[in-house]
Amino acid sequence: MKIKDVMSAPIVEVTPFTPIRDVARHMDYYGVGCVIVTDGREITGIVTDRDLALRVLGRELEADGPISAVMTRDPVIVRPDDDLDVAFETLRRHALRRLPVVDSGTVVGMVTLDDLLLHSHQMTADLLKPVISEISEPQHPRDRE
């Protein structure tokens, strides 16, 4: 299975000059934990709710400053046609929870640890359904009466 099959889209984008306060409002309004920073087309950074807590509140920065002051530059990315194993390994290797999905320089979605866990649980449930059906049915013809 490919990353494009489990990723979320569309993503929330802002420019590097967007005030930090506005980014927090976007996260709240859209119910997301991260925002992609782009220069109009290409990704320049990523900001998570954790970044806002640690880099803004923790350092007592002004919320009117540009998001570029606290964003993570050059984020780790994956591609939509990468196998899910690539996303699992990338998240594990870099100790991340979210990965922008980029196609030809443009962000097309986001794959999160939650997305991958939900997919994994669904696959397990799908595998177990026939087994559960078989063991819950009587095995002898006499027992069915």
Protein backbone atom coordinates (compact mmCIF):
# COMPACT_ATOMS: atom_id res chain seq x y z
CA MET A 1 0.00 0.00 0.00
CA LYS A 2 1.15 3.54 -0.73
CA ILE A 3 1.31 6.65 1.45
CA LYS A 4 -1.26 8.37 -0.78
CA ASP A 5 -3.78 5.72 0.33
CA VAL A 6 -3.67 6.78 3.99
CA MET A 7 -2.54 10.43 3.95
CA SER A 8 -4.78 13.34 4.90
CA ALA A 9 -5.50 16.11 2.44
CA PRO A 10 -5.83 19.01 2.05
CA ILE A 11 -3.29 20.44 4.45
CA VAL A 12 -3.26 23.84 6.15
CA GLU A 13 -0.64 26.16 4.63
CA VAL A 14 0.70 29.55 5.69
CA THR A 15 3.49 31.82 4.44
CA PRO A 16 6.70 32.41 6.41
CA PHE A 17 5.45 35.92 7.24
CA THR A 18 2.18 34.79 8.84
CA PRO A 19 2.02 35.99 12.45
CA ILE A 20 2.48 33.23 15.02
CA ARG A 21 -0.89 34.13 16.60
CA ASP A 22 -2.66 33.57 13.26
CA VAL A 23 -1.02 30.17 12.84
CA ALA A 24 -2.33 29.11 16.26
CA ARG A 25 -5.80 30.32 15.22
CA HIS A 26 -5.58 28.31 11.98
CA MET A 27 -4.68 25.18 13.94
CA ASP A 28 -7.64 25.73 16.24
CA TYR A 29 -10.09 26.52 13.43
CA TYR A 30 -9.09 23.55 11.26
CA GLY A 31 -8.54 21.17 14.17
CA VAL A 32 -4.99 20.27 13.16
CA GLY A 33 -1.78 19.83 15.11
CA CYS A 34 0.55 21.19 12.48
CA VAL A 35 0.73 23.68 9.65
CA ILE A 36 2.93 23.65 6.56
CA VAL A 37 4.88 26.81 5.75
CA THR A 38 5.28 27.44 2.02
CA ASP A 39 6.62 30.18 -0.18
CA GLY A 40 3.50 29.88 -2.29
CA ARG A 41 4.37 26.56 -3.84
CA GLU A 42 7.32 24.80 -2.20
CA ILE A 43 7.56 23.77 1.43
CA THR A 44 9.93 25.86 3.54
CA GLY A 45 8.99 24.61 6.99
CA ILE A 46 6.56 22.96 9.35
CA VAL A 47 5.12 24.14 12.67
CA THR A 48 3.47 21.89 15.22
CA ASP A 49 1.40 22.70 18.28
CA ARG A 50 4.38 21.49 20.31
CA ASP A 51 6.62 24.01 18.52
CA LEU A 52 4.26 26.78 19.53
CA ALA A 53 4.26 25.67 23.15
CA LEU A 54 8.01 25.20 23.46
CA ARG A 55 9.41 27.78 21.06
CA VAL A 56 6.90 30.59 21.61
CA LEU A 57 5.44 30.22 25.09
CA GLY A 58 8.54 28.59 26.54
CA ARG A 59 10.78 31.40 25.28
CA GLU A 60 8.17 34.10 25.87
CA LEU A 61 8.28 35.25 22.23
CA GLU A 62 5.85 37.77 20.86
CA ALA A 63 2.89 36.14 19.13
CA ASP A 64 2.88 38.91 16.51
CA GLY A 65 6.24 37.77 15.11
CA PRO A 66 6.51 35.76 11.89
CA ILE A 67 6.06 32.01 12.01
CA SER A 68 9.42 31.64 10.24
CA ALA A 69 11.05 32.50 13.60
CA VAL A 70 9.84 29.25 15.18
CA MET A 71 9.18 26.84 12.29
CA THR A 72 11.30 23.77 11.63
CA ARG A 73 13.13 24.46 8.38
CA ASP A 74 13.62 21.84 5.68
CA PRO A 75 11.30 19.25 7.22
CA VAL A 76 11.67 15.56 6.52
CA ILE A 77 9.22 14.58 3.77
CA VAL A 78 7.85 11.51 2.00
CA ARG A 79 6.30 11.06 -1.42
CA PRO A 80 2.76 9.88 -2.20
CA ASP A 81 3.95 6.81 -4.11
CA ASP A 82 6.32 5.65 -1.36
CA ASP A 83 5.32 2.42 0.37
CA LEU A 84 3.87 2.71 3.87
CA ASP A 85 7.03 1.05 5.16
CA VAL A 86 8.94 4.18 4.13
CA ALA A 87 6.65 6.33 6.30
CA PHE A 88 6.98 3.96 9.29
CA GLU A 89 10.77 3.88 8.98
CA THR A 90 11.06 7.65 8.47
CA LEU A 91 8.90 8.42 11.50
CA ARG A 92 10.88 5.95 13.60
CA ARG A 93 14.32 7.07 12.43
CA HIS A 94 13.62 10.77 12.99
CA ALA A 95 11.34 10.38 16.05
CA LEU A 96 8.54 12.33 14.33
CA ARG A 97 4.74 12.14 14.46
CA ARG A 98 3.91 13.93 11.20
CA LEU A 99 5.34 13.88 7.68
CA PRO A 100 4.45 16.22 4.84
CA VAL A 101 3.74 14.34 1.61
CA VAL A 102 5.39 16.14 -1.31
CA ASP A 103 4.95 15.50 -5.02
CA SER A 104 7.11 17.41 -7.52
CA GLY A 105 7.91 20.07 -4.93
CA THR A 106 4.29 20.66 -3.90
CA VAL A 107 2.80 19.52 -0.59
CA VAL A 108 -0.16 17.28 -1.40
CA GLY A 109 -0.97 15.88 2.03
CA MET A 110 0.16 14.83 5.47
CA VAL A 111 0.73 11.36 6.89
CA THR A 112 0.76 11.03 10.65
CA LEU A 113 1.63 8.36 13.15
CA ASP A 114 -2.10 8.23 13.94
CA ASP A 115 -2.93 7.57 10.26
CA LEU A 116 -0.49 4.67 10.17
CA LEU A 117 -1.69 3.20 13.47
CA LEU A 118 -5.33 3.37 12.37
CA HIS A 119 -4.44 1.68 9.10
CA SER A 120 -2.48 -1.02 10.92
CA HIS A 121 -5.37 -1.69 13.33
CA GLN A 122 -7.84 -1.86 10.44
CA MET A 123 -5.64 -4.39 8.63
CA THR A 124 -5.43 -6.50 11.80
CA ALA A 125 -9.21 -6.38 12.23
CA ASP A 126 -9.72 -7.38 8.59
CA LEU A 127 -7.38 -10.34 9.04
CA LEU A 128 -9.13 -11.48 12.21
CA LYS A 129 -12.73 -11.34 10.92
CA PRO A 130 -12.64 -14.71 9.13
CA VAL A 131 -10.85 -16.34 12.06
CA ILE A 132 -13.38 -15.03 14.56
CA SER A 133 -16.27 -16.16 12.36
CA GLU A 134 -14.82 -19.64 12.09
CA ILE A 135 -14.17 -20.14 15.79
CA SER A 136 -17.52 -18.73 16.84
CA GLU A 137 -19.44 -21.17 14.60
CA PRO A 138 -20.08 -24.71 15.86
CA GLN A 139 -17.56 -27.12 14.37
CA HIS A 140 -19.71 -30.25 14.34
CA PRO A 141 -22.94 -30.61 12.34
CA ARG A 142 -24.75 -31.85 15.47
CA ASP A 143 -23.84 -28.66 17.36
CA ARG A 144 -25.63 -26.50 14.80
CA GLU A 145 -29.08 -27.89 15.63
